[in-house]
Amino acid sequence: AEAISAFRSALSRNSDDHRAAFGAGVACEASGRYDDALKYYKRACKGANADRYFRARDRMKAFGKRARG
């Protein structure tokens, strides 16, 4: 929760910070907040063209489909 708060604070100062968005996604994923993780990963993907961002986003999308289906 503390890490998520720190990343959210960084994003409030710079909403285009793809590194903070990715970090928030990682922290959310680690704490089981998968919908939030997907939201942050998508945000990171918009900010930078990085394979690890796309892989994380796609992993959360696939997880969501399995969890709902």
N, C-alpha and C. Protein backbone atom coordinates (compact mmCIF):
# COMPACT_ATOMS: atom_id res chain seq x y z
N ALA A 1 0.83 -1.20 0.00
CA ALA A 1 0.00 0.00 0.00
C ALA A 1 0.87 1.26 0.00
N GLU A 2 1.99 1.20 0.72
CA GLU A 2 2.88 2.35 0.78
C GLU A 2 3.51 2.65 -0.58
N ALA A 3 3.91 1.60 -1.29
CA ALA A 3 4.50 1.78 -2.61
C ALA A 3 3.48 2.35 -3.58
N ILE A 4 2.26 1.84 -3.54
CA ILE A 4 1.21 2.34 -4.43
C ILE A 4 0.98 3.82 -4.18
N SER A 5 0.95 4.20 -2.91
CA SER A 5 0.77 5.59 -2.55
C SER A 5 1.89 6.47 -3.10
N ALA A 6 3.12 6.00 -3.00
CA ALA A 6 4.27 6.76 -3.51
C ALA A 6 4.19 6.92 -5.03
N PHE A 7 3.81 5.87 -5.73
CA PHE A 7 3.70 5.96 -7.19
C PHE A 7 2.54 6.88 -7.59
N ARG A 8 1.44 6.80 -6.87
CA ARG A 8 0.31 7.69 -7.16
C ARG A 8 0.69 9.15 -6.93
N SER A 9 1.48 9.38 -5.91
CA SER A 9 1.95 10.73 -5.63
C SER A 9 2.83 11.23 -6.79
N ALA A 10 3.71 10.38 -7.27
CA ALA A 10 4.55 10.74 -8.41
C ALA A 10 3.70 11.04 -9.64
N LEU A 11 2.65 10.26 -9.84
CA LEU A 11 1.77 10.48 -10.99
C LEU A 11 0.96 11.77 -10.85
N SER A 12 0.67 12.15 -9.61
CA SER A 12 -0.06 13.41 -9.43
C SER A 12 0.82 14.61 -9.78
N ARG A 13 2.13 14.45 -9.62
CA ARG A 13 3.06 15.52 -9.99
C ARG A 13 3.35 15.52 -11.49
N ASN A 14 3.34 14.34 -12.10
CA ASN A 14 3.62 14.22 -13.53
C ASN A 14 2.78 13.06 -14.08
N SER A 15 1.65 13.38 -14.63
CA SER A 15 0.70 12.35 -15.08
C SER A 15 1.24 11.53 -16.25
N ASP A 16 2.30 12.01 -16.90
CA ASP A 16 2.88 11.29 -18.04
C ASP A 16 4.06 10.40 -17.66
N ASP A 17 4.30 10.22 -16.37
CA ASP A 17 5.45 9.44 -15.90
C ASP A 17 5.17 7.95 -16.07
N HIS A 18 5.61 7.40 -17.19
CA HIS A 18 5.34 5.99 -17.49
C HIS A 18 6.04 5.07 -16.50
N ARG A 19 7.17 5.48 -15.96
CA ARG A 19 7.87 4.64 -14.97
C ARG A 19 7.07 4.54 -13.69
N ALA A 20 6.47 5.64 -13.24
CA ALA A 20 5.64 5.60 -12.04
C ALA A 20 4.38 4.78 -12.29
N ALA A 21 3.81 4.91 -13.48
CA ALA A 21 2.62 4.12 -13.81
C ALA A 21 2.95 2.63 -13.80
N PHE A 22 4.09 2.27 -14.38
CA PHE A 22 4.49 0.86 -14.38
C PHE A 22 4.75 0.38 -12.95
N GLY A 23 5.43 1.18 -12.16
CA GLY A 23 5.70 0.82 -10.76
C GLY A 23 4.41 0.63 -9.97
N ALA A 24 3.44 1.50 -10.21
CA ALA A 24 2.15 1.35 -9.54
C ALA A 24 1.48 0.05 -9.99
N GLY A 25 1.60 -0.27 -11.26
CA GLY A 25 1.04 -1.53 -11.75
C GLY A 25 1.68 -2.74 -11.09
N VAL A 26 2.99 -2.71 -10.98
CA VAL A 26 3.71 -3.82 -10.32
C VAL A 26 3.25 -3.95 -8.87
N ALA A 27 3.17 -2.82 -8.17
CA ALA A 27 2.75 -2.85 -6.76
C ALA A 27 1.33 -3.36 -6.62
N CYS A 28 0.45 -2.93 -7.51
CA CYS A 28 -0.95 -3.40 -7.46
C CYS A 28 -1.02 -4.89 -7.76
N GLU A 29 -0.28 -5.33 -8.76
CA GLU A 29 -0.29 -6.76 -9.10
C GLU A 29 0.22 -7.59 -7.93
N ALA A 30 1.28 -7.13 -7.29
CA ALA A 30 1.86 -7.87 -6.16
C ALA A 30 0.90 -7.95 -4.98
N SER A 31 0.01 -6.97 -4.86
CA SER A 31 -0.93 -6.98 -3.74
C SER A 31 -2.31 -7.51 -4.14
N GLY A 32 -2.39 -8.11 -5.33
CA GLY A 32 -3.64 -8.76 -5.74
C GLY A 32 -4.68 -7.83 -6.31
N ARG A 33 -4.34 -6.61 -6.57
CA ARG A 33 -5.28 -5.63 -7.13
C ARG A 33 -5.12 -5.61 -8.66
N TYR A 34 -5.60 -6.68 -9.28
CA TYR A 34 -5.32 -6.91 -10.69
C TYR A 34 -6.00 -5.91 -11.62
N ASP A 35 -7.22 -5.50 -11.31
CA ASP A 35 -7.88 -4.50 -12.16
C ASP A 35 -7.13 -3.18 -12.13
N ASP A 36 -6.66 -2.79 -10.94
CA ASP A 36 -5.88 -1.56 -10.83
C ASP A 36 -4.54 -1.72 -11.55
N ALA A 37 -3.93 -2.89 -11.43
CA ALA A 37 -2.66 -3.14 -12.12
C ALA A 37 -2.83 -2.96 -13.62
N LEU A 38 -3.89 -3.51 -14.17
CA LEU A 38 -4.14 -3.38 -15.61
C LEU A 38 -4.29 -1.90 -15.98
N LYS A 39 -5.00 -1.15 -15.18
CA LYS A 39 -5.20 0.28 -15.44
C LYS A 39 -3.84 1.00 -15.51
N TYR A 40 -2.98 0.72 -14.54
CA TYR A 40 -1.67 1.38 -14.52
C TYR A 40 -0.77 0.89 -15.66
N TYR A 41 -0.83 -0.39 -15.98
CA TYR A 41 -0.02 -0.90 -17.09
C TYR A 41 -0.45 -0.26 -18.41
N LYS A 42 -1.75 -0.11 -18.60
CA LYS A 42 -2.23 0.55 -19.82
C LYS A 42 -1.72 1.98 -19.88
N ARG A 43 -1.71 2.63 -18.74
CA ARG A 43 -1.21 4.01 -18.68
C ARG A 43 0.27 4.07 -19.02
N ALA A 44 1.03 3.11 -18.53
CA ALA A 44 2.46 3.05 -18.83
C ALA A 44 2.68 2.84 -20.33
N CYS A 45 1.86 1.97 -20.94
CA CYS A 45 1.99 1.70 -22.38
C CYS A 45 1.74 2.95 -23.21
N LYS A 46 0.86 3.81 -22.74
CA LYS A 46 0.59 5.05 -23.47
C LYS A 46 1.79 6.00 -23.38
N GLY A 47 2.55 5.89 -22.31
CA GLY A 47 3.65 6.81 -22.08
C GLY A 47 4.95 6.42 -22.75
N ALA A 48 5.11 5.13 -23.02
CA ALA A 48 6.37 4.68 -23.62
C ALA A 48 6.16 3.37 -24.36
N ASN A 49 6.94 3.17 -25.37
CA ASN A 49 6.89 1.94 -26.15
C ASN A 49 7.94 0.97 -25.59
N ALA A 50 7.56 0.26 -24.54
CA ALA A 50 8.50 -0.65 -23.87
C ALA A 50 7.88 -2.05 -23.81
N ASP A 51 8.63 -3.03 -24.27
CA ASP A 51 8.11 -4.40 -24.30
C ASP A 51 7.62 -4.88 -22.93
N ARG A 52 8.35 -4.54 -21.87
CA ARG A 52 7.93 -5.04 -20.55
C ARG A 52 6.59 -4.45 -20.14
N TYR A 53 6.27 -3.24 -20.59
CA TYR A 53 4.97 -2.65 -20.29
C TYR A 53 3.87 -3.42 -21.01
N PHE A 54 4.11 -3.72 -22.28
CA PHE A 54 3.11 -4.45 -23.06
C PHE A 54 2.92 -5.87 -22.54
N ARG A 55 4.01 -6.51 -22.15
CA ARG A 55 3.89 -7.88 -21.60
C ARG A 55 3.10 -7.87 -20.30
N ALA A 56 3.34 -6.90 -19.44
CA ALA A 56 2.61 -6.79 -18.17
C ALA A 56 1.13 -6.54 -18.43
N ARG A 57 0.85 -5.61 -19.35
CA ARG A 57 -0.55 -5.32 -19.69
C ARG A 57 -1.25 -6.56 -20.22
N ASP A 58 -0.60 -7.26 -21.14
CA ASP A 58 -1.21 -8.44 -21.74
C ASP A 58 -1.39 -9.55 -20.72
N ARG A 59 -0.47 -9.68 -19.77
CA ARG A 59 -0.59 -10.69 -18.71
C ARG A 59 -1.82 -10.40 -17.86
N MET A 60 -2.06 -9.14 -17.52
CA MET A 60 -3.22 -8.78 -16.71
C MET A 60 -4.51 -8.96 -17.49
N LYS A 61 -4.48 -8.65 -18.78
CA LYS A 61 -5.68 -8.88 -19.60
C LYS A 61 -6.02 -10.36 -19.63
N ALA A 62 -5.02 -11.21 -19.84
CA ALA A 62 -5.25 -12.65 -19.88
C ALA A 62 -5.72 -13.17 -18.53
N PHE A 63 -5.14 -12.65 -17.46
CA PHE A 63 -5.55 -13.06 -16.13
C PHE A 63 -7.01 -12.70 -15.88
N GLY A 64 -7.40 -11.50 -16.29
CA GLY A 64 -8.77 -11.06 -16.11
C GLY A 64 -9.76 -11.93 -16.85
N LYS A 65 -9.41 -12.34 -18.06
CA LYS A 65 -10.29 -13.21 -18.84
C LYS A 65 -10.44 -14.57 -18.16
N ARG A 66 -9.33 -15.11 -17.64
CA ARG A 66 -9.40 -16.40 -16.95
C ARG A 66 -10.20 -16.29 -15.65
N ALA A 67 -10.03 -15.19 -14.93
CA ALA A 67 -10.72 -15.02 -13.67
C ALA A 67 -12.23 -14.85 -13.85
N ARG A 68 -12.61 -14.19 -14.95
CA ARG A 68 -14.03 -13.96 -15.20
C ARG A 68 -14.69 -15.13 -15.92
N GLY A 69 -13.89 -15.90 -16.66
CA GLY A 69 -14.46 -16.92 -17.53
C GLY A 69 -14.51 -18.23 -16.92
